[in-house]
Amino acid sequence: SAKPLSFAGSSGESRRRQFLAWVVNRDSSREYFVLLIKPGGARLCHEMERELRDKGFDVGLDLLGAKQTPIDPERGAPIIPGGNGEGF
């Protein structure tokens, strides 16, 4: 429900390195990642998925359209009433 994090950089590779540096401080026994993939992002996503799994994280994948914005940049992801508390 929090505002999403952004990793600034001049390239996808730069943002990937920043993200993976942030991941070092996450707990793979309590957290997991869902990678949202837009057209053209398959190669980078595949690399990130492999690296996250190598670090012991569970990883989910979902495909998005080129113009989709799944997470509000100011409000974060919506909480679904009656859900299991994990967003799914």
PDB file of N, CA and C in Angstrom:
ATOM      1  N   SER A   1       0.818  -1.198   0.000  1.00  0.00           N
ATOM      2  CA  SER A   1       0.000   0.000   0.000  1.00  0.00           C
ATOM      3  C   SER A   1       0.859   1.258   0.000  1.00  0.00           C
ATOM      4  N   ALA A   2       2.165   1.114   0.107  1.00  0.00           N
ATOM      5  CA  ALA A   2       3.048   2.281   0.122  1.00  0.00           C
ATOM      6  C   ALA A   2       3.364   2.750  -1.291  1.00  0.00           C
ATOM      7  N   LYS A   3       3.822   3.977  -1.377  1.00  0.00           N
ATOM      8  CA  LYS A   3       4.266   4.534  -2.639  1.00  0.00           C
ATOM      9  C   LYS A   3       5.395   3.642  -3.183  1.00  0.00           C
ATOM     10  N   PRO A   4       5.379   3.308  -4.478  1.00  0.00           N
ATOM     11  CA  PRO A   4       6.411   2.410  -5.005  1.00  0.00           C
ATOM     12  C   PRO A   4       7.794   3.059  -5.007  1.00  0.00           C
ATOM     13  N   LEU A   5       8.814   2.215  -4.845  1.00  0.00           N
ATOM     14  CA  LEU A   5      10.194   2.682  -4.932  1.00  0.00           C
ATOM     15  C   LEU A   5      10.575   2.845  -6.393  1.00  0.00           C
ATOM     16  N   SER A   6      11.451   3.788  -6.664  1.00  0.00           N
ATOM     17  CA  SER A   6      11.974   3.975  -8.013  1.00  0.00           C
ATOM     18  C   SER A   6      13.484   3.903  -7.950  1.00  0.00           C
ATOM     19  N   PHE A   7      14.063   3.295  -8.951  1.00  0.00           N
ATOM     20  CA  PHE A   7      15.508   3.202  -9.057  1.00  0.00           C
ATOM     21  C   PHE A   7      15.914   3.974 -10.303  1.00  0.00           C
ATOM     22  N   ALA A   8      16.482   5.178 -10.089  1.00  0.00           N
ATOM     23  CA  ALA A   8      16.845   6.049 -11.199  1.00  0.00           C
ATOM     24  C   ALA A   8      18.144   5.567 -11.830  1.00  0.00           C
ATOM     25  N   GLY A   9      18.270   5.802 -13.100  1.00  0.00           N
ATOM     26  CA  GLY A   9      19.490   5.454 -13.796  1.00  0.00           C
ATOM     27  C   GLY A   9      19.360   5.762 -15.267  1.00  0.00           C
ATOM     28  N   SER A  10      20.478   5.761 -15.944  1.00  0.00           N
ATOM     29  CA  SER A  10      20.484   6.103 -17.361  1.00  0.00           C
ATOM     30  C   SER A  10      20.150   4.916 -18.255  1.00  0.00           C
ATOM     31  N   SER A  11      20.080   3.718 -17.661  1.00  0.00           N
ATOM     32  CA  SER A  11      19.780   2.522 -18.461  1.00  0.00           C
ATOM     33  C   SER A  11      19.084   1.484 -17.589  1.00  0.00           C
ATOM     34  N   GLY A  12      18.482   0.500 -18.243  1.00  0.00           N
ATOM     35  CA  GLY A  12      17.875  -0.611 -17.515  1.00  0.00           C
ATOM     36  C   GLY A  12      18.903  -1.357 -16.692  1.00  0.00           C
ATOM     37  N   GLU A  13      20.099  -1.493 -17.218  1.00  0.00           N
ATOM     38  CA  GLU A  13      21.173  -2.183 -16.491  1.00  0.00           C
ATOM     39  C   GLU A  13      21.544  -1.438 -15.214  1.00  0.00           C
ATOM     40  N   SER A  14      21.620  -0.119 -15.282  1.00  0.00           N
ATOM     41  CA  SER A  14      21.924   0.695 -14.110  1.00  0.00           C
ATOM     42  C   SER A  14      20.841   0.538 -13.044  1.00  0.00           C
ATOM     43  N   ARG A  15      19.588   0.591 -13.470  1.00  0.00           N
ATOM     44  CA  ARG A  15      18.477   0.423 -12.522  1.00  0.00           C
ATOM     45  C   ARG A  15      18.457  -0.991 -11.955  1.00  0.00           C
ATOM     46  N   ARG A  16      18.800  -2.002 -12.748  1.00  0.00           N
ATOM     47  CA  ARG A  16      18.871  -3.386 -12.276  1.00  0.00           C
ATOM     48  C   ARG A  16      19.913  -3.511 -11.166  1.00  0.00           C
ATOM     49  N   ARG A  17      21.086  -2.928 -11.358  1.00  0.00           N
ATOM     50  CA  ARG A  17      22.142  -2.995 -10.338  1.00  0.00           C
ATOM     51  C   ARG A  17      21.698  -2.320  -9.040  1.00  0.00           C
ATOM     52  N   GLN A  18      21.024  -1.172  -9.152  1.00  0.00           N
ATOM     53  CA  GLN A  18      20.543  -0.478  -7.955  1.00  0.00           C
ATOM     54  C   GLN A  18      19.495  -1.323  -7.225  1.00  0.00           C
ATOM     55  N   PHE A  19      18.591  -1.920  -7.980  1.00  0.00           N
ATOM     56  CA  PHE A  19      17.563  -2.781  -7.389  1.00  0.00           C
ATOM     57  C   PHE A  19      18.204  -3.955  -6.664  1.00  0.00           C
ATOM     58  N   LEU A  20      19.159  -4.616  -7.289  1.00  0.00           N
ATOM     59  CA  LEU A  20      19.795  -5.779  -6.668  1.00  0.00           C
ATOM     60  C   LEU A  20      20.601  -5.385  -5.432  1.00  0.00           C
ATOM     61  N   ALA A  21      21.161  -4.179  -5.415  1.00  0.00           N
ATOM     62  CA  ALA A  21      21.843  -3.690  -4.208  1.00  0.00           C
ATOM     63  C   ALA A  21      20.833  -3.493  -3.081  1.00  0.00           C
ATOM     64  N   TRP A  22      19.630  -3.030  -3.409  1.00  0.00           N
ATOM     65  CA  TRP A  22      18.567  -2.850  -2.417  1.00  0.00           C
ATOM     66  C   TRP A  22      18.083  -4.204  -1.898  1.00  0.00           C
ATOM     67  N   VAL A  23      18.018  -5.195  -2.775  1.00  0.00           N
ATOM     68  CA  VAL A  23      17.521  -6.529  -2.427  1.00  0.00           C
ATOM     69  C   VAL A  23      18.366  -7.173  -1.330  1.00  0.00           C
ATOM     70  N   VAL A  24      19.643  -6.831  -1.262  1.00  0.00           N
ATOM     71  CA  VAL A  24      20.550  -7.421  -0.265  1.00  0.00           C
ATOM     72  C   VAL A  24      19.995  -7.270   1.151  1.00  0.00           C
ATOM     73  N   ASN A  25      19.248  -6.206   1.400  1.00  0.00           N
ATOM     74  CA  ASN A  25      18.702  -5.944   2.744  1.00  0.00           C
ATOM     75  C   ASN A  25      17.300  -6.511   2.950  1.00  0.00           C
ATOM     76  N   ARG A  26      16.807  -7.311   2.022  1.00  0.00           N
ATOM     77  CA  ARG A  26      15.472  -7.909   2.132  1.00  0.00           C
ATOM     78  C   ARG A  26      15.598  -9.322   2.698  1.00  0.00           C
ATOM     79  N   ASP A  27      14.505  -9.856   3.226  1.00  0.00           N
ATOM     80  CA  ASP A  27      14.482 -11.170   3.879  1.00  0.00           C
ATOM     81  C   ASP A  27      13.734 -12.175   3.004  1.00  0.00           C
ATOM     82  N   SER A  28      14.466 -13.102   2.396  1.00  0.00           N
ATOM     83  CA  SER A  28      13.851 -14.072   1.480  1.00  0.00           C
ATOM     84  C   SER A  28      12.923 -15.056   2.183  1.00  0.00           C
ATOM     85  N   SER A  29      13.002 -15.161   3.502  1.00  0.00           N
ATOM     86  CA  SER A  29      12.097 -16.062   4.223  1.00  0.00           C
ATOM     87  C   SER A  29      10.745 -15.404   4.496  1.00  0.00           C
ATOM     88  N   ARG A  30      10.659 -14.085   4.338  1.00  0.00           N
ATOM     89  CA  ARG A  30       9.417 -13.361   4.629  1.00  0.00           C
ATOM     90  C   ARG A  30       8.865 -12.584   3.448  1.00  0.00           C
ATOM     91  N   GLU A  31       9.663 -12.393   2.396  1.00  0.00           N
ATOM     92  CA  GLU A  31       9.253 -11.539   1.283  1.00  0.00           C
ATOM     93  C   GLU A  31       9.413 -12.276  -0.046  1.00  0.00           C
ATOM     94  N   TYR A  32       8.649 -11.831  -1.023  1.00  0.00           N
ATOM     95  CA  TYR A  32       8.768 -12.369  -2.380  1.00  0.00           C
ATOM     96  C   TYR A  32       8.575 -11.218  -3.351  1.00  0.00           C
ATOM     97  N   PHE A  33       8.874 -11.462  -4.598  1.00  0.00           N
ATOM     98  CA  PHE A  33       8.761 -10.432  -5.621  1.00  0.00           C
ATOM     99  C   PHE A  33       7.827 -10.886  -6.723  1.00  0.00           C
ATOM    100  N   VAL A  34       7.070  -9.926  -7.265  1.00  0.00           N
ATOM    101  CA  VAL A  34       6.273 -10.142  -8.470  1.00  0.00           C
ATOM    102  C   VAL A  34       6.820  -9.151  -9.495  1.00  0.00           C
ATOM    103  N   LEU A  35       7.388  -9.676 -10.563  1.00  0.00           N
ATOM    104  CA  LEU A  35       7.937  -8.831 -11.619  1.00  0.00           C
ATOM    105  C   LEU A  35       6.848  -8.564 -12.649  1.00  0.00           C
ATOM    106  N   LEU A  36       6.589  -7.304 -12.920  1.00  0.00           N
ATOM    107  CA  LEU A  36       5.592  -6.884 -13.892  1.00  0.00           C
ATOM    108  C   LEU A  36       6.333  -6.547 -15.178  1.00  0.00           C
ATOM    109  N   ILE A  37       6.057  -7.278 -16.240  1.00  0.00           N
ATOM    110  CA  ILE A  37       6.852  -7.211 -17.458  1.00  0.00           C
ATOM    111  C   ILE A  37       6.090  -6.512 -18.573  1.00  0.00           C
ATOM    112  N   LYS A  38       6.676  -5.443 -19.087  1.00  0.00           N
ATOM    113  CA  LYS A  38       6.113  -4.740 -20.242  1.00  0.00           C
ATOM    114  C   LYS A  38       6.831  -5.235 -21.503  1.00  0.00           C
ATOM    115  N   PRO A  39       6.218  -5.022 -22.678  1.00  0.00           N
ATOM    116  CA  PRO A  39       6.883  -5.424 -23.921  1.00  0.00           C
ATOM    117  C   PRO A  39       8.296  -4.822 -23.992  1.00  0.00           C
ATOM    118  N   GLY A  40       9.221  -5.610 -24.404  1.00  0.00           N
ATOM    119  CA  GLY A  40      10.603  -5.161 -24.505  1.00  0.00           C
ATOM    120  C   GLY A  40      11.405  -5.396 -23.240  1.00  0.00           C
ATOM    121  N   GLY A  41      10.767  -5.827 -22.172  1.00  0.00           N
ATOM    122  CA  GLY A  41      11.478  -6.030 -20.909  1.00  0.00           C
ATOM    123  C   GLY A  41      11.791  -7.473 -20.583  1.00  0.00           C
ATOM    124  N   ALA A  42      11.570  -8.384 -21.508  1.00  0.00           N
ATOM    125  CA  ALA A  42      11.719  -9.815 -21.225  1.00  0.00           C
ATOM    126  C   ALA A  42      13.149 -10.199 -20.860  1.00  0.00           C
ATOM    127  N   ARG A  43      14.144  -9.700 -21.592  1.00  0.00           N
ATOM    128  CA  ARG A  43      15.536 -10.080 -21.316  1.00  0.00           C
ATOM    129  C   ARG A  43      15.945  -9.633 -19.919  1.00  0.00           C
ATOM    130  N   LEU A  44      15.693  -8.363 -19.605  1.00  0.00           N
ATOM    131  CA  LEU A  44      16.053  -7.831 -18.297  1.00  0.00           C
ATOM    132  C   LEU A  44      15.294  -8.554 -17.191  1.00  0.00           C
ATOM    133  N   CYS A  45      14.023  -8.829 -17.417  1.00  0.00           N
ATOM    134  CA  CYS A  45      13.216  -9.540 -16.430  1.00  0.00           C
ATOM    135  C   CYS A  45      13.776 -10.934 -16.173  1.00  0.00           C
ATOM    136  N   HIS A  46      14.155 -11.638 -17.236  1.00  0.00           N
ATOM    137  CA  HIS A  46      14.706 -12.989 -17.085  1.00  0.00           C
ATOM    138  C   HIS A  46      15.970 -12.957 -16.220  1.00  0.00           C
ATOM    139  N   GLU A  47      16.830 -11.979 -16.444  1.00  0.00           N
ATOM    140  CA  GLU A  47      18.055 -11.846 -15.650  1.00  0.00           C
ATOM    141  C   GLU A  47      17.721 -11.564 -14.182  1.00  0.00           C
ATOM    142  N   MET A  48      16.775 -10.650 -13.957  1.00  0.00           N
ATOM    143  CA  MET A  48      16.412 -10.293 -12.583  1.00  0.00           C
ATOM    144  C   MET A  48      15.763 -11.477 -11.871  1.00  0.00           C
ATOM    145  N   GLU A  49      14.889 -12.191 -12.571  1.00  0.00           N
ATOM    146  CA  GLU A  49      14.250 -13.360 -11.966  1.00  0.00           C
ATOM    147  C   GLU A  49      15.308 -14.372 -11.531  1.00  0.00           C
ATOM    148  N   ARG A  50      16.265 -14.671 -12.395  1.00  0.00           N
ATOM    149  CA  ARG A  50      17.324 -15.632 -12.075  1.00  0.00           C
ATOM    150  C   ARG A  50      18.120 -15.169 -10.852  1.00  0.00           C
ATOM    151  N   GLU A  51      18.490 -13.885 -10.828  1.00  0.00           N
ATOM    152  CA  GLU A  51      19.285 -13.368  -9.710  1.00  0.00           C
ATOM    153  C   GLU A  51      18.503 -13.392  -8.396  1.00  0.00           C
ATOM    154  N   LEU A  52      17.214 -13.054  -8.448  1.00  0.00           N
ATOM    155  CA  LEU A  52      16.391 -13.110  -7.239  1.00  0.00           C
ATOM    156  C   LEU A  52      16.247 -14.546  -6.734  1.00  0.00           C
ATOM    157  N   ARG A  53      16.005 -15.483  -7.633  1.00  0.00           N
ATOM    158  CA  ARG A  53      15.890 -16.891  -7.230  1.00  0.00           C
ATOM    159  C   ARG A  53      17.212 -17.402  -6.664  1.00  0.00           C
ATOM    160  N   ASP A  54      18.333 -16.979  -7.254  1.00  0.00           N
ATOM    161  CA  ASP A  54      19.654 -17.362  -6.729  1.00  0.00           C
ATOM    162  C   ASP A  54      19.852 -16.855  -5.310  1.00  0.00           C
ATOM    163  N   LYS A  55      19.199 -15.749  -4.959  1.00  0.00           N
ATOM    164  CA  LYS A  55      19.288 -15.186  -3.609  1.00  0.00           C
ATOM    165  C   LYS A  55      18.253 -15.800  -2.662  1.00  0.00           C
ATOM    166  N   GLY A  56      17.484 -16.778  -3.156  1.00  0.00           N
ATOM    167  CA  GLY A  56      16.532 -17.491  -2.310  1.00  0.00           C
ATOM    168  C   GLY A  56      15.122 -16.941  -2.292  1.00  0.00           C
ATOM    169  N   PHE A  57      14.806 -15.968  -3.142  1.00  0.00           N
ATOM    170  CA  PHE A  57      13.474 -15.382  -3.162  1.00  0.00           C
ATOM    171  C   PHE A  57      12.540 -16.164  -4.074  1.00  0.00           C
ATOM    172  N   ASP A  58      11.268 -16.225  -3.694  1.00  0.00           N
ATOM    173  CA  ASP A  58      10.218 -16.681  -4.598  1.00  0.00           C
ATOM    174  C   ASP A  58       9.900 -15.516  -5.521  1.00  0.00           C
ATOM    175  N   VAL A  59       9.591 -15.831  -6.787  1.00  0.00           N
ATOM    176  CA  VAL A  59       9.344 -14.791  -7.776  1.00  0.00           C
ATOM    177  C   VAL A  59       8.115 -15.150  -8.593  1.00  0.00           C
ATOM    178  N   GLY A  60       7.201 -14.190  -8.725  1.00  0.00           N
ATOM    179  CA  GLY A  60       6.054 -14.322  -9.607  1.00  0.00           C
ATOM    180  C   GLY A  60       6.239 -13.397 -10.795  1.00  0.00           C
ATOM    181  N   LEU A  61       5.559 -13.706 -11.877  1.00  0.00           N
ATOM    182  CA  LEU A  61       5.659 -12.916 -13.097  1.00  0.00           C
ATOM    183  C   LEU A  61       4.272 -12.558 -13.599  1.00  0.00           C
ATOM    184  N   ASP A  62       4.125 -11.364 -14.162  1.00  0.00           N
ATOM    185  CA  ASP A  62       2.866 -10.962 -14.774  1.00  0.00           C
ATOM    186  C   ASP A  62       3.191 -10.073 -15.964  1.00  0.00           C
ATOM    187  N   LEU A  63       2.431 -10.243 -17.031  1.00  0.00           N
ATOM    188  CA  LEU A  63       2.630  -9.455 -18.243  1.00  0.00           C
ATOM    189  C   LEU A  63       1.723  -8.238 -18.253  1.00  0.00           C
ATOM    190  N   LEU A  64       2.257  -7.128 -18.723  1.00  0.00           N
ATOM    191  CA  LEU A  64       1.495  -5.879 -18.819  1.00  0.00           C
ATOM    192  C   LEU A  64       1.515  -5.373 -20.253  1.00  0.00           C
ATOM    193  N   GLY A  65       0.520  -4.575 -20.584  1.00  0.00           N
ATOM    194  CA  GLY A  65       0.526  -3.878 -21.862  1.00  0.00           C
ATOM    195  C   GLY A  65       1.484  -2.700 -21.801  1.00  0.00           C
ATOM    196  N   ALA A  66       1.890  -2.210 -22.951  1.00  0.00           N
ATOM    197  CA  ALA A  66       2.864  -1.118 -23.031  1.00  0.00           C
ATOM    198  C   ALA A  66       2.404   0.141 -22.293  1.00  0.00           C
ATOM    199  N   LYS A  67       1.102   0.369 -22.230  1.00  0.00           N
ATOM    200  CA  LYS A  67       0.594   1.606 -21.623  1.00  0.00           C
ATOM    201  C   LYS A  67      -0.043   1.386 -20.257  1.00  0.00           C
ATOM    202  N   GLN A  68       0.037   0.184 -19.726  1.00  0.00           N
ATOM    203  CA  GLN A  68      -0.558  -0.102 -18.414  1.00  0.00           C
ATOM    204  C   GLN A  68       0.289   0.473 -17.291  1.00  0.00           C
ATOM    205  N   THR A  69      -0.380   0.975 -16.252  1.00  0.00           N
ATOM    206  CA  THR A  69       0.268   1.433 -15.030  1.00  0.00           C
ATOM    207  C   THR A  69      -0.397   0.677 -13.882  1.00  0.00           C
ATOM    208  N   PRO A  70       0.189  -0.433 -13.430  1.00  0.00           N
ATOM    209  CA  PRO A  70      -0.462  -1.289 -12.442  1.00  0.00           C
ATOM    210  C   PRO A  70      -0.424  -0.759 -11.016  1.00  0.00           C
ATOM    211  N   ILE A  71       0.545   0.110 -10.721  1.00  0.00           N
ATOM    212  CA  ILE A  71       0.694   0.626  -9.360  1.00  0.00           C
ATOM    213  C   ILE A  71       0.692   2.143  -9.429  1.00  0.00           C
ATOM    214  N   ASP A  72      -0.219   2.755  -8.707  1.00  0.00           N
ATOM    215  CA  ASP A  72      -0.312   4.202  -8.693  1.00  0.00           C
ATOM    216  C   ASP A  72       0.991   4.783  -8.140  1.00  0.00           C
ATOM    217  N   PRO A  73       1.610   5.712  -8.852  1.00  0.00           N
ATOM    218  CA  PRO A  73       2.895   6.253  -8.409  1.00  0.00           C
ATOM    219  C   PRO A  73       2.839   7.048  -7.105  1.00  0.00           C
ATOM    220  N   GLU A  74       1.666   7.469  -6.702  1.00  0.00           N
ATOM    221  CA  GLU A  74       1.533   8.227  -5.454  1.00  0.00           C
ATOM    222  C   GLU A  74       0.932   7.407  -4.313  1.00  0.00           C
ATOM    223  N   ARG A  75       0.006   6.510  -4.626  1.00  0.00           N
ATOM    224  CA  ARG A  75      -0.708   5.764  -3.581  1.00  0.00           C
ATOM    225  C   ARG A  75      -0.261   4.326  -3.431  1.00  0.00           C
ATOM    226  N   GLY A  76       0.487   3.798  -4.374  1.00  0.00           N
ATOM    227  CA  GLY A  76       0.907   2.404  -4.310  1.00  0.00           C
ATOM    228  C   GLY A  76      -0.169   1.484  -4.831  1.00  0.00           C
ATOM    229  N   ALA A  77      -0.034   0.226  -4.507  1.00  0.00           N
ATOM    230  CA  ALA A  77      -0.991  -0.788  -4.953  1.00  0.00           C
ATOM    231  C   ALA A  77      -2.227  -0.761  -4.056  1.00  0.00           C
ATOM    232  N   PRO A  78      -3.391  -1.040  -4.625  1.00  0.00           N
ATOM    233  CA  PRO A  78      -4.604  -1.034  -3.808  1.00  0.00           C
ATOM    234  C   PRO A  78      -4.659  -2.235  -2.871  1.00  0.00           C
ATOM    235  N   ILE A  79      -5.268  -2.046  -1.727  1.00  0.00           N
ATOM    236  CA  ILE A  79      -5.558  -3.140  -0.802  1.00  0.00           C
ATOM    237  C   ILE A  79      -6.911  -3.691  -1.194  1.00  0.00           C
ATOM    238  N   ILE A  80      -6.994  -4.981  -1.384  1.00  0.00           N
ATOM    239  CA  ILE A  80      -8.252  -5.605  -1.800  1.00  0.00           C
ATOM    240  C   ILE A  80      -9.025  -6.032  -0.563  1.00  0.00           C
ATOM    241  N   PRO A  81     -10.207  -5.423  -0.301  1.00  0.00           N
ATOM    242  CA  PRO A  81     -11.008  -5.798   0.877  1.00  0.00           C
ATOM    243  C   PRO A  81     -11.357  -7.280   0.849  1.00  0.00           C
ATOM    244  N   GLY A  82     -11.249  -7.919   2.009  1.00  0.00           N
ATOM    245  CA  GLY A  82     -11.597  -9.343   2.100  1.00  0.00           C
ATOM    246  C   GLY A  82     -10.509 -10.260   1.602  1.00  0.00           C
ATOM    247  N   GLY A  83      -9.370  -9.691   1.197  1.00  0.00           N
ATOM    248  CA  GLY A  83      -8.258 -10.505   0.722  1.00  0.00           C
ATOM    249  C   GLY A  83      -7.548 -11.164   1.890  1.00  0.00           C
ATOM    250  N   ASN A  84      -6.510 -11.905   1.570  1.00  0.00           N
ATOM    251  CA  ASN A  84      -5.795 -12.631   2.618  1.00  0.00           C
ATOM    252  C   ASN A  84      -4.694 -11.795   3.263  1.00  0.00           C
ATOM    253  N   GLY A  85      -4.651 -10.496   2.968  1.00  0.00           N
ATOM    254  CA  GLY A  85      -3.673  -9.629   3.586  1.00  0.00           C
ATOM    255  C   GLY A  85      -2.340  -9.604   2.862  1.00  0.00           C
ATOM    256  N   GLU A  86      -2.213 -10.396   1.823  1.00  0.00           N
ATOM    257  CA  GLU A  86      -0.959 -10.440   1.089  1.00  0.00           C
ATOM    258  C   GLU A  86      -1.097  -9.802  -0.291  1.00  0.00           C
ATOM    259  N   GLY A  87      -2.237  -9.217  -0.595  1.00  0.00           N
ATOM    260  CA  GLY A  87      -2.415  -8.539  -1.863  1.00  0.00           C
ATOM    261  C   GLY A  87      -2.892  -9.460  -2.976  1.00  0.00           C
ATOM    262  N   PHE A  88      -3.046 -10.739  -2.686  1.00  0.00           N
ATOM    263  CA  PHE A  88      -3.494 -11.687  -3.719  1.00  0.00           C
ATOM    264  C   PHE A  88      -4.650 -12.522  -3.219  1.00  0.00           C
TER     265      PHE A  88
END
